[in-house]
Protein backbone atom coordinates (compact mmCIF):
# COMPACT_ATOMS: atom_id res chain seq x y z
CA MET A 1 0.00 0.00 0.00
CA GLN A 2 1.29 3.33 -0.92
CA GLN A 3 1.13 6.11 1.61
CA SER A 4 -0.17 9.55 0.60
CA ALA A 5 2.15 12.51 0.87
CA VAL A 6 -0.66 14.37 2.65
CA PRO A 7 -1.91 12.78 5.83
CA GLU A 8 -5.61 12.27 6.15
CA LEU A 9 -7.26 15.09 7.88
CA ALA A 10 -10.21 14.66 10.18
CA HIS A 11 -12.21 17.44 8.59
CA THR A 12 -12.13 15.90 5.15
CA HIS A 13 -14.64 13.28 6.21
CA THR A 14 -18.08 14.72 6.96
CA ARG A 15 -19.90 13.35 9.93
CA PRO A 16 -23.32 14.33 11.27
CA ILE A 17 -21.74 16.53 13.92
CA HIS A 18 -20.16 18.69 11.19
CA TRP A 19 -23.60 19.33 9.64
CA VAL A 20 -25.07 20.26 13.00
CA ALA A 21 -22.18 22.68 13.70
CA THR A 22 -22.55 24.30 10.26
CA ALA A 23 -26.32 24.70 10.64
CA THR A 24 -25.86 26.21 14.11
CA ALA A 25 -23.27 28.70 12.81
CA VAL A 26 -25.48 29.78 9.89
CA ALA A 27 -28.48 30.22 12.18
CA GLY A 28 -26.37 32.29 14.57
CA VAL A 29 -25.15 34.59 11.75
CA MET A 30 -28.70 35.09 10.50
CA ALA A 31 -30.04 35.85 13.96
CA PHE A 32 -27.23 38.31 14.64
CA SER A 33 -27.68 40.04 11.30
CA SER A 34 -31.41 40.57 11.96
CA LEU A 35 -30.44 42.61 15.03
CA LEU A 36 -28.22 44.90 12.94
CA GLN A 37 -30.77 45.84 10.28
CA PRO A 38 -30.67 49.44 9.03
CA ASN A 39 -33.63 51.74 9.65
CA SER A 40 -36.61 51.01 7.50
CA ALA A 41 -36.43 52.55 4.07
CA THR A 42 -38.86 55.23 2.95
CA ALA A 43 -40.35 55.36 -0.50
CA ALA A 44 -40.18 59.15 -0.74
CA GLN A 45 -38.70 60.41 -3.97
CA ALA A 46 -36.19 63.20 -4.11
CA ALA A 47 -37.74 66.53 -4.97
CA PRO A 48 -37.45 67.20 -8.69
CA ALA A 49 -34.80 69.71 -9.68
CA ARG A 50 -36.38 73.08 -10.17
CA PRO A 51 -36.07 74.35 -13.68
CA LYS A 52 -34.40 77.68 -14.19
CA GLN A 53 -36.72 80.57 -13.69
CA ALA A 54 -39.05 80.74 -16.65
CA HIS A 55 -38.66 83.83 -18.72
CA ALA A 56 -41.33 86.38 -17.98
CA ALA A 57 -41.68 87.00 -21.70
CA ALA A 58 -40.38 85.65 -24.96
CA ALA A 59 -37.39 87.34 -26.56
CA PRO A 60 -38.43 90.44 -28.47
CA GLY A 61 -38.88 90.02 -32.20
CA THR A 62 -37.39 92.28 -34.85
CA ALA A 63 -40.50 92.78 -37.01
CA GLY A 64 -41.71 96.36 -37.06
CA VAL A 65 -38.72 97.73 -35.11
CA ASP A 66 -37.45 101.13 -36.25
CA PHE A 67 -33.69 100.57 -36.21
CA PRO A 68 -31.49 103.70 -36.04
CA ILE A 69 -29.96 103.18 -39.48
CA THR A 70 -30.36 105.47 -42.48
CA CYS A 71 -31.01 103.54 -45.68
CA GLY A 72 -32.40 106.13 -48.06
CA PRO A 73 -34.73 104.56 -50.65
CA VAL A 74 -34.02 100.96 -49.59
CA LYS A 75 -35.20 99.26 -46.45
CA ALA A 76 -33.23 97.96 -43.46
CA VAL A 77 -32.98 94.18 -43.20
CA VAL A 78 -32.08 91.98 -40.26
CA GLN A 79 -29.19 89.84 -41.45
CA LYS A 80 -28.68 87.82 -38.24
CA LYS A 81 -30.15 87.71 -34.76
CA ALA A 82 -29.53 85.91 -31.48
CA THR A 83 -31.20 85.94 -28.08
CA GLY A 84 -30.09 85.59 -24.50
CA ASP A 85 -30.36 87.18 -21.08
CA LEU A 86 -27.68 89.87 -21.28
CA ASP A 87 -28.46 91.88 -18.15
CA GLY A 88 -29.26 89.02 -15.75
CA ASP A 89 -32.89 89.99 -15.10
CA GLY A 90 -34.29 86.62 -16.26
CA ASN A 91 -35.77 88.07 -19.46
CA PRO A 92 -34.10 87.50 -22.82
CA GLU A 93 -32.91 90.30 -25.05
CA THR A 94 -32.51 90.07 -28.83
CA VAL A 95 -29.35 91.22 -30.59
CA ALA A 96 -29.78 92.00 -34.28
CA VAL A 97 -27.26 92.59 -37.06
CA VAL A 98 -28.94 95.01 -39.48
CA HIS A 99 -27.88 96.58 -42.78
CA CYS A 100 -29.45 98.40 -45.68
CA ASP A 101 -30.78 96.19 -48.45
CA ALA A 102 -28.37 97.62 -51.04
CA PRO A 103 -28.61 96.20 -54.58
CA MET A 104 -24.81 95.90 -54.81
CA GLY A 105 -21.68 96.33 -52.71
CA THR A 106 -21.15 95.44 -49.07
CA PRO A 107 -23.36 97.65 -46.91
CA PRO A 108 -22.08 98.27 -43.38
CA ASP A 109 -23.81 96.57 -40.47
CA GLY A 110 -25.28 97.93 -37.29
CA VAL A 111 -25.57 95.73 -34.19
CA TYR A 112 -28.50 96.58 -31.91
CA VAL A 113 -29.84 95.24 -28.61
CA LEU A 114 -33.62 95.01 -28.25
CA THR A 115 -35.72 94.51 -25.15
CA ARG A 116 -39.42 94.68 -24.41
CA ALA A 117 -40.85 98.02 -23.38
CA SER A 118 -43.43 98.18 -20.60
CA ASP A 119 -46.17 97.97 -23.26
CA GLY A 120 -44.66 94.67 -24.51
CA LYS A 121 -43.36 96.06 -27.80
CA PRO A 122 -39.70 95.54 -28.76
CA ARG A 123 -37.46 98.59 -28.65
CA VAL A 124 -33.78 99.31 -29.34
CA VAL A 125 -31.90 99.97 -26.07
CA ALA A 126 -28.28 99.95 -27.30
CA THR A 127 -26.17 100.26 -30.43
CA LEU A 128 -23.11 98.03 -30.21
CA VAL A 129 -21.80 98.68 -33.74
CA ASP A 130 -22.75 101.91 -35.49
CA PRO A 131 -23.13 101.43 -39.26
CA LYS A 132 -21.47 104.83 -39.78
CA LYS A 133 -18.18 103.17 -38.80
CA GLY A 134 -18.39 101.05 -41.98
CA ASP A 135 -17.79 97.60 -40.45
CA THR A 136 -19.50 94.39 -41.45
CA VAL A 137 -20.13 91.48 -39.08
CA SER A 138 -18.98 88.01 -40.11
CA ASP A 139 -19.28 85.86 -36.97
CA PHE A 140 -21.88 86.69 -34.37
CA ALA A 141 -23.37 84.99 -31.29
CA VAL A 142 -24.76 85.49 -27.80
CA ARG A 143 -22.85 83.28 -25.33
CA ASP A 144 -22.84 83.24 -21.53
CA GLY A 145 -24.54 86.63 -21.21
CA ALA A 146 -22.23 88.34 -23.71
CA VAL A 147 -22.38 89.35 -27.37
CA VAL A 148 -19.37 88.23 -29.41
CA ALA A 149 -18.63 89.21 -32.99
CA LYS A 150 -15.93 89.34 -35.64
CA LEU A 151 -15.90 92.73 -37.33
CA LEU A 152 -14.48 93.28 -40.81
CA GLY A 153 -13.37 96.81 -41.61
CA TYR A 154 -11.12 99.00 -43.70
CA SER A 155 -7.76 100.55 -42.88
CA SER A 156 -8.42 103.59 -45.10
CA ASP A 157 -10.90 105.08 -47.55
CA ASP A 158 -8.64 103.86 -50.38
CA VAL A 159 -9.50 100.20 -49.70
CA PRO A 160 -12.30 98.97 -52.00
CA ARG A 161 -15.61 98.36 -50.15
CA CYS A 162 -15.65 94.79 -51.43
CA CYS A 163 -12.48 93.78 -49.70
CA PRO A 164 -12.16 94.52 -45.96
CA ASP A 165 -8.54 94.45 -44.81
CA VAL A 166 -8.99 94.75 -41.03
CA THR A 167 -10.37 92.02 -38.75
CA ASP A 168 -11.35 92.81 -35.18
CA SER A 169 -12.90 90.54 -32.53
CA ALA A 170 -15.21 92.17 -30.04
CA LYS A 171 -17.16 91.19 -26.96
CA TRP A 172 -19.82 93.23 -25.15
CA GLN A 173 -21.10 92.57 -21.65
CA TRP A 174 -23.62 94.38 -19.47
CA LYS A 175 -21.75 96.04 -16.58
CA ASN A 176 -22.94 98.81 -14.27
CA GLY A 177 -25.94 99.70 -16.43
CA ALA A 178 -24.23 99.78 -19.85
CA PHE A 179 -22.76 97.51 -22.48
CA VAL A 180 -18.98 97.53 -22.18
CA ARG A 181 -16.85 96.41 -25.11
CA SER A 182 -13.72 94.38 -24.64
CA THR A 183 -11.43 93.14 -27.37
CA PRO A 184 -9.45 89.99 -26.72
CA ALA A 185 -5.68 90.53 -26.84
CA GLY A 186 -4.13 90.00 -30.26
CA SER A 187 -7.42 89.83 -32.12
CA HIS A 188 -6.87 92.91 -34.31
CA SER A 189 -5.19 92.15 -37.60
CA VAL A 190 -4.55 93.92 -40.88
C-alpha cells in the first residue's frame, strides 16, 4: 500500500456533527444580522430639480422695429439675430445685425440690442456697432450673457468696399448699467 504525501485530515470526512455545527453557525449569523438591520427605508422620492426661472416674456422680435440706421430709398434688413439674457434679469434680449438692403456692394452693419418696453413692444436699447463706422459682421453669437462678434473693416478710404482688410474681434457685456466692449488681446489684424 502506498502512503499519501498528505496525511488524512479529520475534517475531510463529513460526519453528522459537522452538519449540526454548520447549521448552528449559519443560524447564529442570520439571527445576529437581523439585530443589525438598518432603519426602514422610505419610499419618498427626491424633490425634482427646479427648472431655471421661466422667462417672464419671450425674446423680443425684430419685425416692425425702427432701427437707427439710415437707408435712403431701400429698407433695413435683419441679417442675423440671437437671443439671451444679457443683463441678468431673467428676461431674454434680442441682438440683431442690421444693414441696408443695397442692390450691390457690401453695406455696413449695425448691431442693436432690443428689449421689451413696458407695453410689450420691442425697442432698441443699445447700439453696439454703429453702421457709420463702416464695419460688417462676419461671426456673431450670444454666449454666456455676452455678445461676441468678428468685425471686418477697412484701414483707409482707399481700400475697396468689397475687400475689408482689417479684422477685429469684439465682446460686449452688461456692466454697471451699460454695455462695455472688450477686445481679446491680439485679435486685431490687418
